[in-house]
Amino acid sequence: MKRYCLAVDLVDDPVMIAEYEAYHKKIRPEIEKSILDAGVTQMEIFRTGNRLFMIMVTEDDFSFEVKAKMDLENPKVQEWEKLMWGYQQALPTAKKGEKWVLMDQIFALV
């Protein structure tokens, strides 16, 4: 089991943020299936203001590269990503073309 934390910003508009949250009350079944098929076993998204924080728990052999390839080959996922990108905006520190930015763990109380 691996855990990843990622962040992205939303367009800072209350109406758009409410719409984005509504889409995530119950995501489309084909999107949920694609997430699970990629090896993600748990996923949570939190919001403060217009900043989103995602926690992903994955199988040990999970690969962002494999998931990206699977997503590119899935028209339903591409449709979803295009729709969601209308609500999202890159973090100021994101690389060109990067949406969700992988965060570095700096502390753990274990």
N, C-alpha and C. Protein backbone atom coordinates (compact mmCIF):
# COMPACT_ATOMS: atom_id res chain seq x y z
N MET A 1 0.85 -1.18 0.00
CA MET A 1 0.00 0.00 0.00
C MET A 1 0.89 1.24 0.00
N LYS A 2 0.58 2.17 -0.89
CA LYS A 2 1.26 3.46 -0.96
C LYS A 2 0.24 4.57 -0.76
N ARG A 3 0.72 5.71 -0.30
CA ARG A 3 -0.17 6.86 -0.14
C ARG A 3 0.48 8.07 -0.79
N TYR A 4 -0.33 8.80 -1.55
CA TYR A 4 0.13 10.00 -2.23
C TYR A 4 -0.80 11.15 -1.87
N CYS A 5 -0.22 12.35 -1.77
CA CYS A 5 -1.01 13.56 -1.53
C CYS A 5 -0.73 14.53 -2.66
N LEU A 6 -1.80 15.11 -3.19
CA LEU A 6 -1.68 16.00 -4.34
C LEU A 6 -2.56 17.23 -4.11
N ALA A 7 -2.24 18.32 -4.82
CA ALA A 7 -3.02 19.55 -4.69
C ALA A 7 -3.24 20.18 -6.05
N VAL A 8 -4.34 20.90 -6.15
CA VAL A 8 -4.66 21.71 -7.32
C VAL A 8 -5.58 22.82 -6.83
N ASP A 9 -5.67 23.90 -7.55
CA ASP A 9 -6.58 24.98 -7.20
C ASP A 9 -7.81 24.93 -8.09
N LEU A 10 -8.90 25.46 -7.56
CA LEU A 10 -10.11 25.68 -8.35
C LEU A 10 -10.16 27.14 -8.76
N VAL A 11 -10.88 27.42 -9.83
CA VAL A 11 -11.16 28.79 -10.18
C VAL A 11 -11.88 29.39 -8.98
N ASP A 12 -11.44 30.56 -8.54
CA ASP A 12 -11.96 31.15 -7.30
C ASP A 12 -13.29 31.86 -7.53
N ASP A 13 -14.31 31.04 -7.73
CA ASP A 13 -15.66 31.53 -8.00
C ASP A 13 -16.62 30.63 -7.23
N PRO A 14 -17.40 31.17 -6.30
CA PRO A 14 -18.27 30.35 -5.46
C PRO A 14 -19.25 29.47 -6.24
N VAL A 15 -19.79 29.97 -7.33
CA VAL A 15 -20.73 29.19 -8.14
C VAL A 15 -20.01 28.00 -8.77
N MET A 16 -18.84 28.25 -9.33
CA MET A 16 -18.08 27.16 -9.97
C MET A 16 -17.61 26.14 -8.94
N ILE A 17 -17.21 26.61 -7.77
CA ILE A 17 -16.78 25.68 -6.71
C ILE A 17 -17.95 24.79 -6.30
N ALA A 18 -19.15 25.37 -6.17
CA ALA A 18 -20.34 24.58 -5.82
C ALA A 18 -20.65 23.56 -6.92
N GLU A 19 -20.52 23.93 -8.17
CA GLU A 19 -20.74 22.99 -9.28
C GLU A 19 -19.72 21.86 -9.23
N TYR A 20 -18.46 22.19 -9.00
CA TYR A 20 -17.40 21.18 -8.92
C TYR A 20 -17.71 20.18 -7.81
N GLU A 21 -18.10 20.70 -6.65
CA GLU A 21 -18.44 19.81 -5.54
C GLU A 21 -19.64 18.94 -5.88
N ALA A 22 -20.61 19.49 -6.58
CA ALA A 22 -21.79 18.71 -6.96
C ALA A 22 -21.40 17.53 -7.85
N TYR A 23 -20.47 17.75 -8.79
CA TYR A 23 -19.99 16.64 -9.63
C TYR A 23 -19.34 15.54 -8.80
N HIS A 24 -18.79 15.90 -7.65
CA HIS A 24 -18.06 14.92 -6.84
C HIS A 24 -18.91 14.29 -5.73
N LYS A 25 -20.17 14.69 -5.63
CA LYS A 25 -21.06 14.03 -4.66
C LYS A 25 -21.20 12.55 -5.00
N LYS A 26 -21.31 12.28 -6.30
CA LYS A 26 -21.35 10.90 -6.81
C LYS A 26 -20.75 10.95 -8.21
N ILE A 27 -19.47 10.56 -8.30
CA ILE A 27 -18.82 10.64 -9.60
C ILE A 27 -19.39 9.61 -10.56
N ARG A 28 -19.17 9.84 -11.83
CA ARG A 28 -19.67 8.93 -12.86
C ARG A 28 -19.07 7.53 -12.65
N PRO A 29 -19.88 6.49 -12.83
CA PRO A 29 -19.41 5.11 -12.61
C PRO A 29 -18.17 4.75 -13.43
N GLU A 30 -18.10 5.21 -14.67
CA GLU A 30 -16.95 4.87 -15.51
C GLU A 30 -15.67 5.56 -15.01
N ILE A 31 -15.81 6.70 -14.34
CA ILE A 31 -14.65 7.39 -13.78
C ILE A 31 -14.18 6.64 -12.53
N GLU A 32 -15.12 6.25 -11.70
CA GLU A 32 -14.77 5.45 -10.51
C GLU A 32 -14.08 4.15 -10.93
N LYS A 33 -14.60 3.50 -11.95
CA LYS A 33 -14.00 2.24 -12.42
C LYS A 33 -12.57 2.47 -12.92
N SER A 34 -12.35 3.56 -13.64
CA SER A 34 -11.00 3.82 -14.16
C SER A 34 -10.01 4.08 -13.04
N ILE A 35 -10.46 4.73 -11.98
CA ILE A 35 -9.59 4.98 -10.82
C ILE A 35 -9.23 3.67 -10.15
N LEU A 36 -10.23 2.83 -9.92
CA LEU A 36 -9.99 1.53 -9.28
C LEU A 36 -9.13 0.63 -10.17
N ASP A 37 -9.40 0.62 -11.47
CA ASP A 37 -8.63 -0.22 -12.40
C ASP A 37 -7.16 0.17 -12.45
N ALA A 38 -6.85 1.43 -12.14
CA ALA A 38 -5.46 1.90 -12.16
C ALA A 38 -4.70 1.49 -10.90
N GLY A 39 -5.41 0.94 -9.91
CA GLY A 39 -4.74 0.51 -8.69
C GLY A 39 -4.92 1.44 -7.51
N VAL A 40 -5.82 2.41 -7.64
CA VAL A 40 -6.15 3.29 -6.52
C VAL A 40 -7.22 2.58 -5.70
N THR A 41 -6.95 2.38 -4.41
CA THR A 41 -7.90 1.66 -3.56
C THR A 41 -8.76 2.60 -2.72
N GLN A 42 -8.24 3.79 -2.45
CA GLN A 42 -8.99 4.80 -1.70
C GLN A 42 -8.60 6.17 -2.24
N MET A 43 -9.56 7.09 -2.25
CA MET A 43 -9.28 8.45 -2.69
C MET A 43 -10.20 9.40 -1.93
N GLU A 44 -9.61 10.46 -1.40
CA GLU A 44 -10.38 11.50 -0.72
C GLU A 44 -9.89 12.84 -1.23
N ILE A 45 -10.82 13.80 -1.38
CA ILE A 45 -10.47 15.16 -1.76
C ILE A 45 -11.06 16.09 -0.71
N PHE A 46 -10.21 17.00 -0.22
CA PHE A 46 -10.60 18.02 0.75
C PHE A 46 -10.43 19.38 0.10
N ARG A 47 -11.19 20.37 0.61
CA ARG A 47 -11.10 21.72 0.07
C ARG A 47 -11.01 22.74 1.19
N THR A 48 -10.18 23.74 0.98
CA THR A 48 -10.19 24.96 1.79
C THR A 48 -10.09 26.12 0.81
N GLY A 49 -11.04 27.02 0.88
CA GLY A 49 -11.08 28.10 -0.11
C GLY A 49 -11.17 27.50 -1.50
N ASN A 50 -10.23 27.84 -2.36
CA ASN A 50 -10.23 27.26 -3.70
C ASN A 50 -9.10 26.23 -3.87
N ARG A 51 -8.46 25.81 -2.79
CA ARG A 51 -7.38 24.81 -2.84
C ARG A 51 -7.94 23.43 -2.54
N LEU A 52 -7.63 22.47 -3.42
CA LEU A 52 -8.02 21.08 -3.22
C LEU A 52 -6.81 20.27 -2.79
N PHE A 53 -7.04 19.30 -1.92
CA PHE A 53 -6.01 18.41 -1.41
C PHE A 53 -6.53 16.98 -1.55
N MET A 54 -5.81 16.14 -2.28
CA MET A 54 -6.24 14.77 -2.53
C MET A 54 -5.31 13.79 -1.83
N ILE A 55 -5.90 12.80 -1.19
CA ILE A 55 -5.15 11.68 -0.63
C ILE A 55 -5.54 10.44 -1.42
N MET A 56 -4.52 9.77 -1.98
CA MET A 56 -4.74 8.53 -2.72
C MET A 56 -4.00 7.40 -2.02
N VAL A 57 -4.70 6.32 -1.78
CA VAL A 57 -4.07 5.09 -1.30
C VAL A 57 -4.11 4.12 -2.46
N THR A 58 -2.96 3.51 -2.74
CA THR A 58 -2.85 2.67 -3.94
C THR A 58 -2.25 1.31 -3.62
N GLU A 59 -2.39 0.43 -4.57
CA GLU A 59 -1.69 -0.85 -4.50
C GLU A 59 -0.19 -0.57 -4.63
N ASP A 60 0.63 -1.49 -4.16
CA ASP A 60 2.08 -1.30 -4.18
C ASP A 60 2.65 -1.09 -5.57
N ASP A 61 2.04 -1.69 -6.58
CA ASP A 61 2.57 -1.58 -7.94
C ASP A 61 1.96 -0.42 -8.73
N PHE A 62 1.26 0.49 -8.05
CA PHE A 62 0.65 1.64 -8.72
C PHE A 62 1.73 2.48 -9.41
N SER A 63 1.37 3.01 -10.59
CA SER A 63 2.27 3.87 -11.35
C SER A 63 1.49 5.03 -11.94
N PHE A 64 1.96 6.25 -11.70
CA PHE A 64 1.33 7.42 -12.30
C PHE A 64 1.43 7.36 -13.83
N GLU A 65 2.53 6.82 -14.34
CA GLU A 65 2.71 6.72 -15.78
C GLU A 65 1.70 5.76 -16.41
N VAL A 66 1.49 4.62 -15.75
CA VAL A 66 0.51 3.64 -16.25
C VAL A 66 -0.90 4.24 -16.19
N LYS A 67 -1.21 4.91 -15.08
CA LYS A 67 -2.54 5.53 -14.95
C LYS A 67 -2.73 6.59 -16.04
N ALA A 68 -1.71 7.40 -16.30
CA ALA A 68 -1.82 8.44 -17.33
C ALA A 68 -2.07 7.81 -18.69
N LYS A 69 -1.40 6.72 -18.99
CA LYS A 69 -1.59 6.02 -20.27
C LYS A 69 -3.02 5.47 -20.36
N MET A 70 -3.49 4.85 -19.27
CA MET A 70 -4.86 4.32 -19.25
C MET A 70 -5.87 5.46 -19.46
N ASP A 71 -5.63 6.60 -18.80
CA ASP A 71 -6.54 7.74 -18.92
C ASP A 71 -6.57 8.27 -20.35
N LEU A 72 -5.42 8.35 -21.00
CA LEU A 72 -5.36 8.85 -22.37
C LEU A 72 -6.11 7.95 -23.35
N GLU A 73 -6.17 6.66 -23.04
CA GLU A 73 -6.83 5.68 -23.91
C GLU A 73 -8.33 5.54 -23.62
N ASN A 74 -8.82 6.28 -22.62
CA ASN A 74 -10.22 6.15 -22.20
C ASN A 74 -10.97 7.45 -22.54
N PRO A 75 -11.82 7.42 -23.58
CA PRO A 75 -12.53 8.64 -23.97
C PRO A 75 -13.41 9.23 -22.87
N LYS A 76 -13.99 8.39 -22.03
CA LYS A 76 -14.84 8.89 -20.94
C LYS A 76 -14.01 9.65 -19.90
N VAL A 77 -12.80 9.15 -19.63
CA VAL A 77 -11.92 9.84 -18.69
C VAL A 77 -11.46 11.16 -19.30
N GLN A 78 -11.15 11.17 -20.59
CA GLN A 78 -10.74 12.40 -21.26
C GLN A 78 -11.86 13.44 -21.22
N GLU A 79 -13.09 12.99 -21.42
CA GLU A 79 -14.25 13.89 -21.34
C GLU A 79 -14.36 14.48 -19.94
N TRP A 80 -14.21 13.62 -18.91
CA TRP A 80 -14.28 14.05 -17.51
C TRP A 80 -13.16 15.05 -17.20
N GLU A 81 -11.94 14.73 -17.62
CA GLU A 81 -10.80 15.60 -17.34
C GLU A 81 -10.98 16.96 -17.99
N LYS A 82 -11.48 16.99 -19.19
CA LYS A 82 -11.72 18.26 -19.88
C LYS A 82 -12.77 19.07 -19.12
N LEU A 83 -13.84 18.41 -18.69
CA LEU A 83 -14.88 19.08 -17.91
C LEU A 83 -14.32 19.63 -16.61
N MET A 84 -13.56 18.82 -15.87
CA MET A 84 -13.02 19.24 -14.57
C MET A 84 -12.00 20.36 -14.73
N TRP A 85 -11.22 20.33 -15.82
CA TRP A 85 -10.21 21.37 -16.02
C TRP A 85 -10.86 22.74 -16.18
N GLY A 86 -12.11 22.79 -16.58
CA GLY A 86 -12.83 24.05 -16.65
C GLY A 86 -13.05 24.68 -15.29
N TYR A 87 -12.98 23.87 -14.25
CA TYR A 87 -13.15 24.34 -12.88
C TYR A 87 -11.81 24.50 -12.16
N GLN A 88 -10.79 23.81 -12.64
CA GLN A 88 -9.49 23.79 -11.97
C GLN A 88 -8.53 24.78 -12.61
N GLN A 89 -7.50 25.13 -11.84
CA GLN A 89 -6.40 25.93 -12.37
C GLN A 89 -5.12 25.44 -11.72
N ALA A 90 -4.05 25.52 -12.45
CA ALA A 90 -2.77 25.02 -11.97
C ALA A 90 -2.28 25.82 -10.77
N LEU A 91 -1.59 25.14 -9.89
CA LEU A 91 -0.92 25.84 -8.79
C LEU A 91 0.17 26.74 -9.35
N PRO A 92 0.51 27.80 -8.65
CA PRO A 92 1.58 28.67 -9.12
C PRO A 92 2.91 27.93 -9.31
N THR A 93 3.11 26.85 -8.56
CA THR A 93 4.37 26.08 -8.65
C THR A 93 4.31 24.93 -9.65
N ALA A 94 3.17 24.75 -10.32
CA ALA A 94 3.02 23.63 -11.25
C ALA A 94 3.89 23.82 -12.49
N LYS A 95 4.34 22.69 -13.01
CA LYS A 95 5.08 22.70 -14.28
C LYS A 95 4.06 22.87 -15.41
N LYS A 96 4.54 23.26 -16.57
CA LYS A 96 3.66 23.45 -17.73
C LYS A 96 2.88 22.16 -18.00
N GLY A 97 1.56 22.27 -18.12
CA GLY A 97 0.71 21.12 -18.40
C GLY A 97 0.36 20.28 -17.19
N GLU A 98 0.87 20.62 -16.03
CA GLU A 98 0.62 19.83 -14.81
C GLU A 98 -0.64 20.31 -14.13
N LYS A 99 -1.49 19.36 -13.75
CA LYS A 99 -2.72 19.70 -13.03
C LYS A 99 -2.49 19.44 -11.54
N TRP A 100 -2.83 18.25 -11.11
CA TRP A 100 -2.62 17.87 -9.72
C TRP A 100 -1.11 17.77 -9.47
N VAL A 101 -0.63 18.43 -8.45
CA VAL A 101 0.80 18.45 -8.12
C VAL A 101 1.04 17.53 -6.93
N LEU A 102 1.98 16.61 -7.09
CA LEU A 102 2.36 15.70 -6.03
C LEU A 102 3.05 16.48 -4.92
N MET A 103 2.62 16.26 -3.69
CA MET A 103 3.17 16.98 -2.54
C MET A 103 4.22 16.13 -1.84
N ASP A 104 5.20 16.80 -1.24
CA ASP A 104 6.23 16.11 -0.48
C ASP A 104 5.81 16.05 0.98
N GLN A 105 5.98 14.89 1.59
CA GLN A 105 5.70 14.75 3.02
C GLN A 105 6.85 15.39 3.78
N ILE A 106 6.52 16.26 4.72
CA ILE A 106 7.55 16.91 5.51
C ILE A 106 7.49 16.55 6.99
N PHE A 107 6.44 15.85 7.41
CA PHE A 107 6.30 15.45 8.80
C PHE A 107 5.37 14.26 8.91
N ALA A 108 5.68 13.39 9.85
CA ALA A 108 4.80 12.26 10.14
C ALA A 108 4.92 11.94 11.63
N LEU A 109 3.81 11.84 12.30
CA LEU A 109 3.77 11.42 13.70
C LEU A 109 3.33 9.97 13.70
N VAL A 110 4.26 9.09 13.98
CA VAL A 110 3.96 7.65 13.94
C VAL A 110 4.28 6.99 15.25
